[in-house]
Protein backbone atom coordinates (compact mmCIF):
# COMPACT_ATOMS: atom_id res chain seq x y z
CA MET A 1 4.30 -10.95 25.89
CA THR A 2 2.25 -8.78 23.70
CA HIS A 3 3.66 -5.40 22.32
CA PRO A 4 2.83 -2.55 24.45
CA THR A 5 1.73 -0.31 21.34
CA ILE A 6 -0.63 -3.26 20.73
CA GLU A 7 -1.86 -2.80 24.59
CA ARG A 8 -2.47 0.67 24.19
CA HIS A 9 -4.38 0.72 21.10
CA ALA A 10 -6.54 -1.98 22.83
CA ARG A 11 -6.90 0.37 25.67
CA HIS A 12 -7.25 3.62 24.46
CA VAL A 13 -7.72 3.55 21.00
CA ASN A 14 -9.77 0.66 18.84
CA PRO A 15 -10.22 -2.60 21.01
CA ALA A 16 -12.31 -4.33 18.24
CA PHE A 17 -9.98 -3.28 15.63
CA VAL A 18 -6.97 -4.80 17.91
CA LYS A 19 -9.18 -7.85 17.93
CA LEU A 20 -9.92 -8.08 14.18
CA LEU A 21 -6.41 -7.80 13.86
CA GLY A 22 -5.65 -11.14 15.82
CA VAL A 23 -8.19 -12.87 14.38
CA LEU A 24 -5.84 -14.71 11.15
CA GLY A 25 -2.79 -12.92 12.21
CA TYR A 26 -2.62 -9.53 10.50
CA GLY A 27 -1.26 -7.49 13.12
CA ARG A 28 1.63 -5.38 12.75
CA VAL A 29 3.24 -2.91 14.58
CA PHE A 30 4.93 -0.49 11.84
CA THR A 31 7.48 2.14 12.95
CA ARG A 32 8.78 3.60 10.09
CA ALA A 33 8.88 4.24 6.30
CA ARG A 34 10.78 5.37 3.40
CA ASP A 35 9.38 5.90 -0.36
CA VAL A 36 7.47 2.59 -0.97
CA TRP A 37 9.05 0.51 2.19
CA LEU A 38 7.74 -0.20 5.64
CA TRP A 39 9.87 -1.27 8.83
CA ASP A 40 7.65 -3.32 11.48
CA ASP A 41 9.34 -3.61 15.09
CA GLN A 42 10.95 -7.10 13.97
CA GLU A 43 12.42 -5.16 11.29
CA ARG A 44 10.59 -7.13 8.72
CA GLN A 45 10.34 -4.75 5.38
CA TYR A 46 7.60 -4.71 3.35
CA LEU A 47 6.63 -2.78 -0.09
CA ASP A 48 3.74 -0.86 0.34
CA PHE A 49 1.05 -1.12 -2.04
CA LEU A 50 -1.75 0.76 0.00
CA ALA A 51 -0.20 4.28 0.52
CA GLY A 52 -2.21 5.29 3.21
CA PHE A 53 -5.19 4.93 1.22
CA GLY A 54 -3.88 7.10 -1.58
CA SER A 55 -2.71 9.75 0.73
CA VAL A 56 1.53 8.84 -0.03
CA ASN A 57 1.54 9.40 -3.83
CA LEU A 58 5.11 11.24 -3.03
CA GLY A 59 6.30 7.90 -1.19
CA HIS A 60 6.95 8.21 2.42
CA ASN A 61 8.80 10.68 4.29
CA HIS A 62 9.89 12.29 0.83
CA PRO A 63 13.55 13.99 1.45
CA ARG A 64 12.50 17.16 -0.47
CA LEU A 65 9.52 17.58 1.42
CA MET A 66 11.22 16.98 4.75
CA ALA A 67 13.52 19.30 4.29
CA ARG A 68 11.48 21.88 3.23
CA LEU A 69 9.20 21.43 6.47
CA GLN A 70 12.46 21.44 8.53
CA ARG A 71 13.51 24.80 6.81
CA PHE A 72 9.88 25.77 7.63
CA LEU A 73 9.84 25.32 11.45
CA ALA A 74 13.06 27.44 11.82
CA GLU A 75 11.19 30.19 10.19
CA ASP A 76 9.17 31.70 12.90
CA ALA A 77 6.29 31.41 10.57
CA LEU A 78 2.60 32.70 12.19
CA HIS A 79 0.99 29.19 11.85
CA PHE A 80 -2.99 30.60 13.18
CA CYS A 81 -4.55 33.82 11.78
CA HIS A 82 -7.99 34.74 12.10
CA VAL A 83 -8.11 38.40 11.98
CA GLY A 84 -6.20 39.12 9.04
CA LEU A 85 -4.20 37.75 5.84
CA THR A 86 -0.98 35.26 5.53
CA GLU A 87 1.03 34.31 2.88
CA HIS A 88 1.04 30.51 2.92
CA SER A 89 -2.71 30.11 2.23
CA ALA A 90 -2.75 32.84 -0.70
CA LEU A 91 0.21 31.09 -2.32
CA LEU A 92 -1.03 27.58 -2.05
CA GLY A 93 -4.77 28.86 -3.34
CA GLU A 94 -2.69 30.34 -6.52
CA ALA A 95 -0.28 27.02 -6.84
CA LEU A 96 -4.20 25.26 -6.96
CA CYS A 97 -5.58 27.11 -9.25
CA GLN A 98 -2.39 27.54 -11.59
CA ARG A 99 -2.82 23.65 -12.25
CA LEU A 100 -6.22 23.52 -12.57
CA ASP A 101 -8.79 24.67 -15.24
CA ALA A 102 -10.82 27.69 -15.60
CA PRO A 103 -12.96 28.74 -14.05
CA LEU A 104 -11.97 27.21 -10.94
CA GLU A 105 -10.08 29.82 -8.77
CA VAL A 106 -11.08 30.29 -5.61
CA VAL A 107 -10.04 27.83 -2.52
CA LEU A 108 -11.78 26.75 0.61
CA LEU A 109 -9.01 25.31 2.79
CA ALA A 110 -9.80 22.58 5.06
CA SER A 111 -7.57 19.63 6.84
CA SER A 112 -9.66 16.74 6.20
CA GLY A 113 -10.81 15.04 2.97
CA GLY A 114 -14.41 14.73 4.82
CA GLU A 115 -14.38 18.71 5.63
CA ALA A 116 -13.79 19.37 2.39
CA VAL A 117 -16.55 17.39 1.04
CA GLU A 118 -18.83 19.09 3.15
CA ALA A 119 -17.54 22.52 2.45
CA GLY A 120 -18.86 21.62 -1.32
CA MET A 121 -22.17 20.63 0.14
CA LYS A 122 -22.22 23.50 2.22
CA LEU A 123 -21.60 25.95 -0.37
CA ALA A 124 -23.75 24.40 -3.14
CA ARG A 125 -26.49 24.90 -0.91
CA ALA A 126 -25.81 28.90 0.13
CA ALA A 127 -24.85 28.70 -3.98
CA THR A 128 -27.91 27.63 -4.88
CA ARG A 129 -30.75 28.16 -2.42
CA ARG A 130 -31.56 24.67 -2.98
CA SER A 131 -31.44 21.65 0.21
CA ALA A 132 -31.14 18.04 -1.84
CA PHE A 133 -28.21 16.31 -2.55
CA VAL A 134 -27.66 13.03 -4.87
CA PHE A 135 -25.07 10.28 -4.45
CA CYS A 136 -24.05 6.91 -5.98
CA GLU A 137 -24.25 3.57 -4.71
CA GLY A 138 -20.83 2.82 -3.52
CA GLY A 139 -19.74 5.97 -3.22
CA PHE A 140 -17.85 7.03 0.07
CA HIS A 141 -17.04 10.68 0.52
CA GLY A 142 -16.04 10.45 4.64
CA THR A 143 -17.59 9.33 7.59
CA SER A 144 -18.58 12.41 9.54
CA PHE A 145 -22.15 13.51 9.55
CA GLY A 146 -22.86 14.88 6.85
CA THR A 147 -20.61 12.67 4.68
CA LEU A 148 -22.00 9.59 6.25
CA SER A 149 -25.62 11.10 4.40
CA MET A 150 -23.82 10.51 1.16
CA MET A 151 -22.44 7.53 1.94
CA GLY A 152 -22.62 4.08 -0.20
CA SER A 153 -22.56 1.57 2.23
CA GLU A 154 -25.63 0.64 4.23
CA ARG A 155 -23.44 -1.24 7.11
CA MET A 156 -21.29 2.10 7.28
CA ARG A 157 -24.68 4.52 7.71
CA LYS A 158 -27.16 2.38 9.32
CA PRO A 159 -25.96 3.09 13.17
CA PHE A 160 -25.95 6.70 12.91
CA GLU A 161 -29.56 7.23 11.29
CA PRO A 162 -31.53 9.45 10.74
CA LEU A 163 -29.29 11.62 8.85
CA LEU A 164 -29.52 14.56 6.33
CA ALA A 165 -32.78 14.45 4.73
CA GLY A 166 -32.83 14.90 1.04
CA CYS A 167 -29.59 12.81 -0.11
CA HIS A 168 -30.96 10.65 -2.94
CA ARG A 169 -28.96 7.51 -4.13
CA VAL A 170 -28.22 6.51 -7.78
CA PRO A 171 -26.44 3.72 -9.22
CA PHE A 172 -22.89 5.16 -10.34
CA GLY A 173 -22.88 5.40 -14.07
CA ASP A 174 -26.72 5.47 -14.81
CA LEU A 175 -27.98 9.16 -16.00
CA GLU A 176 -31.26 8.57 -16.36
CA ALA A 177 -31.41 7.45 -12.68
CA LEU A 178 -29.62 10.62 -12.29
CA GLU A 179 -31.71 12.70 -14.45
CA ARG A 180 -35.26 11.22 -12.48
CA VAL A 181 -34.15 12.91 -9.13
CA LEU A 182 -32.89 15.96 -10.76
CA ARG A 183 -36.21 16.69 -12.14
CA ARG A 184 -38.23 15.64 -9.32
CA GLU A 185 -36.38 17.32 -6.26
CA LYS A 186 -34.67 20.48 -5.37
CA VAL A 187 -30.85 19.95 -5.79
CA ALA A 188 -28.20 22.00 -4.62
CA ALA A 189 -25.29 18.86 -6.29
CA PHE A 190 -24.61 16.18 -7.27
CA VAL A 191 -22.06 14.50 -5.35
CA VAL A 192 -19.51 11.93 -7.62
CA GLU A 193 -16.60 10.34 -7.28
CA PRO A 194 -14.25 9.65 -11.03
CA LEU A 195 -14.14 6.29 -9.95
CA LEU A 196 -15.33 3.97 -7.09
CA ALA A 197 -12.11 3.42 -4.98
CA GLU A 198 -13.72 1.90 -2.42
CA GLY A 199 -16.81 0.47 -4.29
CA GLY A 200 -14.79 -2.11 -5.71
CA VAL A 201 -11.95 0.25 -7.80
CA VAL A 202 -15.25 0.76 -10.74
CA SER A 203 -14.74 3.25 -13.73
CA PRO A 204 -18.16 4.61 -15.37
CA PRO A 205 -19.01 4.79 -18.96
CA PRO A 206 -16.74 7.32 -20.96
CA GLY A 207 -18.33 10.48 -21.01
CA TYR A 208 -20.26 9.93 -17.32
CA LEU A 209 -19.39 12.94 -15.56
CA LYS A 210 -19.25 15.42 -18.60
CA GLU A 211 -23.18 14.39 -19.24
CA ALA A 212 -23.85 14.20 -15.76
CA GLN A 213 -22.98 18.16 -15.62
CA ALA A 214 -24.66 18.96 -18.32
CA LEU A 215 -27.65 17.47 -16.56
CA CYS A 216 -26.92 19.10 -13.53
CA ARG A 217 -27.04 22.25 -15.21
CA LYS A 218 -30.04 21.78 -17.17
CA HIS A 219 -31.75 21.10 -13.94
CA GLY A 220 -29.97 24.23 -11.60
CA ALA A 221 -27.43 21.63 -9.84
CA LEU A 222 -24.04 21.97 -9.29
CA LEU A 223 -21.14 19.14 -9.92
CA VAL A 224 -19.31 18.35 -7.10
CA LEU A 225 -16.61 16.49 -7.84
CA ASP A 226 -14.89 14.17 -5.21
CA GLU A 227 -10.97 13.64 -5.84
CA VAL A 228 -9.56 13.07 -2.59
CA GLN A 229 -8.24 9.83 -3.41
CA THR A 230 -7.71 10.39 -7.13
CA GLY A 231 -6.22 13.94 -6.87
CA LEU A 232 -2.70 14.54 -7.61
CA GLY A 233 -1.86 11.76 -10.30
CA ARG A 234 -3.18 8.50 -8.93
CA LEU A 235 -4.91 7.83 -11.95
CA GLY A 236 -2.13 8.44 -14.25
CA ARG A 237 -3.52 12.15 -14.81
CA ARG A 238 -2.74 14.83 -12.67
CA PHE A 239 -6.49 15.37 -11.82
CA ALA A 240 -9.25 12.91 -12.87
CA TYR A 241 -11.66 15.37 -14.64
CA GLN A 242 -8.47 16.44 -17.10
CA GLY A 243 -8.98 15.34 -20.53
CA GLN A 244 -12.67 14.71 -19.69
CA GLY A 245 -14.21 17.63 -21.49
CA PHE A 246 -15.17 19.14 -18.49
CA VAL A 247 -14.43 20.84 -15.54
CA PRO A 248 -16.49 20.48 -12.32
CA ASP A 249 -18.31 23.22 -10.48
CA VAL A 250 -16.61 21.81 -7.15
CA LEU A 251 -13.63 20.22 -6.77
CA VAL A 252 -12.16 18.34 -3.99
CA LEU A 253 -8.79 17.38 -3.18
CA ALA A 254 -7.14 15.91 0.05
CA LYS A 255 -4.86 12.70 0.75
CA ALA A 256 -2.11 13.20 -1.47
CA LEU A 257 -2.35 16.71 -0.90
CA SER A 258 -0.70 16.88 2.46
CA GLY A 259 2.53 14.64 0.65
CA GLY A 260 1.90 12.27 3.08
CA ALA A 261 2.92 14.49 6.14
CA VAL A 262 0.35 17.14 7.33
CA PRO A 263 -3.36 17.22 7.07
CA VAL A 264 -4.67 19.29 4.48
CA SER A 265 -7.22 19.53 1.97
CA ALA A 266 -9.56 21.86 -0.22
CA ALA A 267 -12.92 22.69 -1.76
CA ILE A 268 -12.28 24.47 -5.24
CA THR A 269 -14.46 26.45 -7.33
CA SER A 270 -15.50 29.61 -9.25
CA THR A 271 -15.46 33.42 -8.47
CA GLU A 272 -19.11 33.31 -9.55
CA ILE A 273 -20.24 30.09 -7.13
CA HIS A 274 -18.17 31.87 -4.54
CA GLY A 275 -19.35 35.04 -4.74
CA ARG A 276 -23.43 33.86 -4.81
CA ALA A 277 -22.85 31.44 -1.44
CA TYR A 278 -20.05 33.85 0.03
CA GLY A 279 -20.22 37.28 -1.45
CA GLY A 280 -20.56 40.32 0.50
CA THR A 281 -19.68 41.43 3.77
CA GLU A 282 -22.86 39.78 5.36
CA ARG A 283 -21.96 36.17 4.38
CA PHE A 284 -17.91 36.20 3.99
CA ASP A 285 -17.56 34.42 7.09
CA LEU A 286 -20.68 31.64 6.99
CA HIS A 287 -17.44 29.11 6.43
CA SER A 288 -14.10 29.20 8.16
CA THR A 289 -12.35 26.16 10.22
CA THR A 290 -9.72 27.04 12.56
CA PHE A 291 -6.70 24.67 11.24
CA GLY A 292 -8.22 25.18 7.52
CA GLY A 293 -4.96 27.06 5.82
CA ASN A 294 -2.39 26.64 8.80
CA ALA A 295 0.84 28.01 7.51
CA LEU A 296 2.68 24.00 7.96
CA ALA A 297 -0.14 22.42 5.88
CA CYS A 298 0.25 25.13 3.33
CA THR A 299 3.81 24.69 3.12
CA ALA A 300 3.53 21.11 2.69
CA ALA A 301 0.81 21.18 -0.04
CA MET A 302 3.21 23.72 -2.12
CA GLU A 303 6.17 21.50 -1.65
CA THR A 304 3.86 18.07 -2.66
CA LEU A 305 2.54 19.84 -6.03
CA ALA A 306 6.01 20.88 -6.63
CA ILE A 307 7.45 17.24 -6.30
CA VAL A 308 4.73 15.93 -8.32
CA ASP A 309 5.61 18.09 -11.16
CA ASP A 310 9.19 18.00 -11.35
CA GLU A 311 9.94 14.63 -10.69
CA GLY A 312 6.62 13.14 -13.16
CA LEU A 313 5.33 11.46 -11.23
CA VAL A 314 1.72 11.59 -12.89
CA ALA A 315 3.57 10.06 -15.99
CA ASN A 316 5.13 7.45 -13.71
CA ALA A 317 1.94 6.53 -12.74
CA ALA A 318 0.66 6.26 -16.14
CA ALA A 319 3.03 4.13 -17.25
CA ARG A 320 3.66 1.79 -13.89
CA GLY A 321 -0.05 1.60 -14.02
CA THR A 322 -0.10 -0.07 -17.09
CA GLU A 323 2.48 -2.65 -16.52
CA LEU A 324 0.50 -3.42 -13.17
CA LEU A 325 -2.96 -4.14 -14.86
CA GLU A 326 -1.25 -5.90 -17.68
CA GLY A 327 0.75 -7.43 -15.90
CA LEU A 328 -2.10 -8.95 -14.02
CA ARG A 329 -3.95 -9.49 -16.73
CA LYS A 330 -1.41 -11.97 -18.31
CA ARG A 331 -0.92 -13.71 -15.05
CA LEU A 332 -4.06 -14.76 -13.39
CA ALA A 333 -5.87 -15.04 -16.85
CA GLY A 334 -8.49 -17.82 -16.72
CA HIS A 335 -8.45 -18.09 -12.84
CA PRO A 336 -11.23 -19.88 -11.98
CA LEU A 337 -11.99 -17.22 -9.08
CA VAL A 338 -10.92 -13.53 -10.68
CA ARG A 339 -13.67 -12.09 -12.38
CA GLU A 340 -11.73 -9.05 -13.74
CA ILE A 341 -8.94 -6.76 -13.28
CA ARG A 342 -9.70 -3.30 -13.75
CA GLY A 343 -8.52 0.20 -12.85
CA GLU A 344 -6.88 3.20 -13.92
CA GLY A 345 -3.24 4.46 -13.50
CA LEU A 346 -2.03 3.41 -9.88
CA LEU A 347 -5.30 2.57 -8.70
CA VAL A 348 -5.77 -1.22 -9.50
CA GLY A 349 -8.73 -3.41 -8.32
CA VAL A 350 -8.96 -7.70 -8.72
CA GLU A 351 -12.06 -8.42 -8.50
CA LEU A 352 -12.57 -12.19 -6.42
CA GLY A 353 -15.41 -14.76 -6.87
CA PRO A 354 -17.11 -17.68 -9.35
CA THR A 355 -16.42 -17.06 -12.95
CA GLU A 356 -18.18 -19.42 -15.59
CA SER A 357 -15.43 -21.91 -14.98
CA GLY A 358 -15.41 -24.59 -12.26
CA LEU A 359 -18.05 -26.92 -11.21
CA LEU A 360 -18.50 -25.16 -7.76
CA ASN A 361 -18.58 -21.67 -9.68
CA ARG A 362 -21.52 -23.60 -11.92
CA LEU A 363 -23.55 -25.30 -9.17
CA VAL A 364 -23.25 -22.91 -6.22
CA PRO A 365 -22.01 -19.19 -7.76
CA SER A 366 -23.95 -17.91 -4.26
CA LEU A 367 -21.99 -19.46 -1.93
CA VAL A 368 -18.81 -19.36 -4.23
CA GLY A 369 -19.69 -15.55 -3.97
CA GLN A 370 -20.03 -14.94 -0.18
CA VAL A 371 -17.14 -16.73 0.19
CA SER A 372 -15.25 -14.52 -1.80
CA GLU A 373 -16.80 -11.60 0.03
CA LYS A 374 -16.38 -12.64 3.39
CA VAL A 375 -12.94 -14.33 3.37
CA PHE A 376 -10.99 -14.69 0.01
CA GLY A 377 -10.27 -10.62 0.07
CA GLN A 378 -8.80 -10.56 3.35
CA TRP A 379 -7.08 -13.98 3.17
CA ALA A 380 -4.92 -12.46 -0.03
CA ALA A 381 -4.22 -9.09 1.52
CA LEU A 382 -2.42 -11.56 4.91
CA ARG A 383 -1.01 -13.48 2.71
CA LEU A 384 0.52 -11.18 0.58
CA LEU A 385 1.36 -9.29 4.20
CA GLU A 386 3.30 -12.32 5.41
CA GLU A 387 5.18 -12.07 1.71
CA GLY A 388 5.99 -8.43 2.64
CA ILE A 389 3.67 -6.68 0.51
CA VAL A 390 0.85 -4.25 2.29
CA CYS A 391 -2.82 -3.88 0.57
CA GLN A 392 -6.30 -4.16 1.56
CA PRO A 393 -9.64 -5.25 -0.62
CA ALA A 394 -11.54 -2.18 -1.01
CA SER A 395 -13.29 -0.89 2.10
CA HIS A 396 -16.89 -1.47 0.54
CA ARG A 397 -15.90 -4.64 -1.44
CA TRP A 398 -13.98 -6.89 0.06
CA ASP A 399 -14.18 -9.39 -2.81
CA VAL A 400 -11.83 -6.58 -4.36
CA LEU A 401 -8.33 -6.58 -3.57
CA ARG A 402 -7.11 -3.20 -4.01
CA LEU A 403 -3.40 -2.08 -5.13
CA GLU A 404 -3.08 1.43 -5.00
CA PRO A 405 1.38 2.16 -4.19
CA PRO A 406 2.93 5.54 -4.08
CA LEU A 407 3.32 6.82 -7.59
CA THR A 408 7.14 6.54 -6.61
CA VAL A 409 6.91 2.94 -7.42
CA LYS A 410 9.80 1.38 -9.70
CA SER A 411 8.52 -1.04 -12.49
CA GLU A 412 11.07 -3.73 -10.57
CA GLU A 413 8.52 -3.57 -7.61
CA ILE A 414 5.46 -3.71 -9.57
CA GLN A 415 6.94 -6.94 -10.86
CA ARG A 416 7.34 -8.09 -8.05
CA VAL A 417 3.64 -7.29 -6.53
CA VAL A 418 2.57 -8.57 -10.03
CA ASP A 419 4.64 -11.97 -9.40
CA ALA A 420 3.39 -12.60 -5.51
CA VAL A 421 -0.43 -11.90 -6.49
CA ALA A 422 -0.20 -14.70 -9.08
CA ARG A 423 1.53 -16.83 -7.19
CA ILE A 424 -0.83 -16.69 -3.83
CA LEU A 425 -4.26 -16.58 -5.95
CA GLY A 426 -2.79 -19.34 -7.89
CA ASP A 427 -3.01 -21.43 -4.51
CA TYR A 428 -6.70 -20.74 -4.48
CA THR A 429 -8.64 -21.94 -7.43
CA GLY A 430 -11.29 -23.45 -5.48
CA LEU A 431 -13.04 -23.11 -2.55
CA VAL A 432 -11.70 -26.35 -0.55
CA PRO A 433 -7.82 -24.97 -0.12
CA LEU A 434 -9.08 -21.88 0.66
CA LEU A 435 -11.57 -22.39 3.86
CA ARG A 436 -8.56 -25.55 4.68
CA ASP A 437 -6.10 -23.05 5.01
CA VAL A 438 -8.37 -20.14 6.76
CA VAL A 439 -9.95 -22.78 9.33
CA ALA A 440 -5.90 -23.56 10.04
CA ARG A 441 -4.70 -20.35 10.69
CA VAL A 442 -7.81 -19.36 12.90
CA GLY A 443 -7.58 -22.75 15.06
CA GLU A 444 -3.67 -21.64 15.53
CA GLN A 445 -4.27 -17.84 16.08
CA ARG A 446 -6.81 -18.97 19.08
CA LYS A 447 -3.88 -21.36 20.44
CA ARG A 448 -1.43 -18.54 20.54
CA GLU A 449 -4.27 -16.60 22.16
CA GLY A 450 -4.44 -19.08 25.04
CA ALA A 451 -0.76 -19.63 25.71
CA PHE A 452 -0.94 -15.73 26.30
CA ARG A 453 -3.85 -16.04 28.71
């Protein structure tokens, strides 16, 4: 019989997703989690190398965070207050800004990454009195209507067009293209990630973000840095911009700020920019959200910030990330269908596709590329799942297998994943065995579905 959770999702939540999970047998019902481990309803154990797309930097259900939230729930706190000041949002604002660089010192709180990005967009329009935005090919800033206007994926944009007018796309890392748009349009902000996560784990050229901010200032625009997925240690630095010689005009945080427990996000800017946008009694309430800054979320975020510092998770991300990157490069060197292994800290991508070796790679590279994009990344993720490792391809680049564990991961867990990835990809050095196994699995799944009808 089908599991009741699957039936309920198929009926009431996302029928198409349930169907997709069943095509190759990917579907699992996960029931509990602790640190880097997940368990399903069959009590099978999995090593989590996805971490909620970067939301679970502390590991699942971190005991110190859970203990703090349990104490909080007994405190009779005022959760929502919109007619006065509460200590929780003030304390979180202070805790965030203490960890950032001047002049970032005013915090706009929200619940999701998309909300915080839109807070940055509104702030930029209000402060500059301009309307246009620039974003990058391959970028991902959320799926709300405003953030979709800066979505790098045509597949995800198209059903909702027309979107916001005046949003201009440029290649990631291309300063000349950015300046052409800044010179031509009345740009309020350039919204950019420090690394394209969903776009295939792609880093920009050295100095790109610093130079981009200089161009923005030259032409009267702001730089909004979207660190929703990279903030709080993911790249082996507390924040990705640090150590690069600049401070963004607006910094956006979410995902990991939650501790993997309570949704919370923030857009942080300077007093000067905030004053231009919302200063004075006529403008103080032009941006607000009912749930933003609620006491539970702020408590979770403050404890998360403290745990990241106290447990040295940034340094662990840097060290374990080096082990992951170097281990994969060593084990997969010369693989005819591995184009590149790249990343920073504990965000690593294995790009699959034709290389210069192999007959088919040379004769029909476009075919090999299409199979890699449509099939190989998902098949590799499925094979890893069946060996007890959870990961996924990048959402905009299915030919890039993304590895993104909690920052609490240990060396032996890194080695387990390196070994498994090398072993599984070693089974597929050409298209024939890959297509053979995929076709056989699809057939098996169809027979299984027929048996339950």
